[in-house]
Amino acid sequence: MTQFRRWDLREDDGMATTEYALVTVAAAAFAGVLIALIRSDEVRGMLTDILHSAFG
C-alpha cells in the first residue's frame, strides 16, 4: 500500500489561483488593445463602412 505524506498532496497548492490570475490579466490586456483599436479613427471608419454596406 502506498502511503502519501501530507506535503506530497500539497505541492501545487495555489497553482489554480495563479493560473486564473494570469488569464484574467491577459484578458484585461487583450480587452485594452481591442478598445484602443476600436477608438482609432481608421478602424471606426472601416466598421462604419461595413455596417453601411451591410444595411444598405
C-alpha atoms as a PDB file:
ATOM      1  CA  MET A   1       0.000   0.000   0.000  1.00  0.00           C
ATOM      2  CA  THR A   2       1.352   3.385  -0.980  1.00  0.00           C
ATOM      3  CA  GLN A   3       1.453   5.958   1.749  1.00  0.00           C
ATOM      4  CA  PHE A   4       1.191   9.618   0.845  1.00  0.00           C
ATOM      5  CA  ARG A   5       2.694  12.204   3.047  1.00  0.00           C
ATOM      6  CA  ARG A   6       0.751  15.349   3.675  1.00  0.00           C
ATOM      7  CA  TRP A   7       3.279  17.536   1.812  1.00  0.00           C
ATOM      8  CA  ASP A   8       3.115  15.255  -1.256  1.00  0.00           C
ATOM      9  CA  LEU A   9      -0.519  16.176  -1.789  1.00  0.00           C
ATOM     10  CA  ARG A  10       0.040  19.894  -1.352  1.00  0.00           C
ATOM     11  CA  GLU A  11       2.978  20.540  -3.683  1.00  0.00           C
ATOM     12  CA  ASP A  12       0.989  22.613  -6.157  1.00  0.00           C
ATOM     13  CA  ASP A  13      -1.418  24.442  -3.854  1.00  0.00           C
ATOM     14  CA  GLY A  14      -2.227  27.817  -5.306  1.00  0.00           C
ATOM     15  CA  MET A  15      -1.468  26.857  -8.905  1.00  0.00           C
ATOM     16  CA  ALA A  16      -5.093  27.179  -9.989  1.00  0.00           C
ATOM     17  CA  THR A  17      -5.328  30.608  -8.385  1.00  0.00           C
ATOM     18  CA  THR A  18      -2.163  31.729 -10.155  1.00  0.00           C
ATOM     19  CA  GLU A  19      -3.424  30.432 -13.484  1.00  0.00           C
ATOM     20  CA  TYR A  20      -6.756  32.226 -13.055  1.00  0.00           C
ATOM     21  CA  ALA A  21      -4.940  35.443 -12.180  1.00  0.00           C
ATOM     22  CA  LEU A  22      -2.699  35.207 -15.253  1.00  0.00           C
ATOM     23  CA  VAL A  23      -5.643  34.504 -17.551  1.00  0.00           C
ATOM     24  CA  THR A  24      -7.548  37.437 -16.052  1.00  0.00           C
ATOM     25  CA  VAL A  25      -4.615  39.798 -16.597  1.00  0.00           C
ATOM     26  CA  ALA A  26      -4.168  38.557 -20.164  1.00  0.00           C
ATOM     27  CA  ALA A  27      -7.885  39.012 -20.887  1.00  0.00           C
ATOM     28  CA  ALA A  28      -7.809  42.543 -19.477  1.00  0.00           C
ATOM     29  CA  ALA A  29      -4.774  43.398 -21.606  1.00  0.00           C
ATOM     30  CA  PHE A  30      -6.450  41.989 -24.724  1.00  0.00           C
ATOM     31  CA  ALA A  31      -9.592  43.995 -23.955  1.00  0.00           C
ATOM     32  CA  GLY A  32      -7.471  47.115 -23.612  1.00  0.00           C
ATOM     33  CA  VAL A  33      -5.921  46.536 -27.015  1.00  0.00           C
ATOM     34  CA  LEU A  34      -9.345  45.992 -28.582  1.00  0.00           C
ATOM     35  CA  ILE A  35     -10.684  49.183 -27.021  1.00  0.00           C
ATOM     36  CA  ALA A  36      -7.698  51.130 -28.311  1.00  0.00           C
ATOM     37  CA  LEU A  37      -8.253  49.724 -31.804  1.00  0.00           C
ATOM     38  CA  ILE A  38     -11.964  50.457 -31.834  1.00  0.00           C
ATOM     39  CA  ARG A  39     -11.379  54.037 -30.675  1.00  0.00           C
ATOM     40  CA  SER A  40      -8.995  54.750 -33.545  1.00  0.00           C
ATOM     41  CA  ASP A  41     -10.483  56.749 -36.417  1.00  0.00           C
ATOM     42  CA  GLU A  42      -9.357  54.290 -39.102  1.00  0.00           C
ATOM     43  CA  VAL A  43     -10.997  51.260 -37.501  1.00  0.00           C
ATOM     44  CA  ARG A  44     -14.117  53.221 -36.625  1.00  0.00           C
ATOM     45  CA  GLY A  45     -14.389  54.324 -40.267  1.00  0.00           C
ATOM     46  CA  MET A  46     -13.929  50.778 -41.506  1.00  0.00           C
ATOM     47  CA  LEU A  47     -16.619  49.479 -39.162  1.00  0.00           C
ATOM     48  CA  THR A  48     -18.979  52.251 -40.209  1.00  0.00           C
ATOM     49  CA  ASP A  49     -18.400  51.455 -43.888  1.00  0.00           C
ATOM     50  CA  ILE A  50     -19.045  47.757 -43.262  1.00  0.00           C
ATOM     51  CA  LEU A  51     -22.289  48.500 -41.425  1.00  0.00           C
ATOM     52  CA  HIS A  52     -23.467  50.929 -44.118  1.00  0.00           C
ATOM     53  CA  SER A  53     -22.778  48.418 -46.872  1.00  0.00           C
ATOM     54  CA  ALA A  54     -24.446  45.601 -44.905  1.00  0.00           C
ATOM     55  CA  PHE A  55     -27.633  47.531 -44.200  1.00  0.00           C
ATOM     56  CA  GLY A  56     -27.759  49.356 -47.497  1.00  0.00           C
END
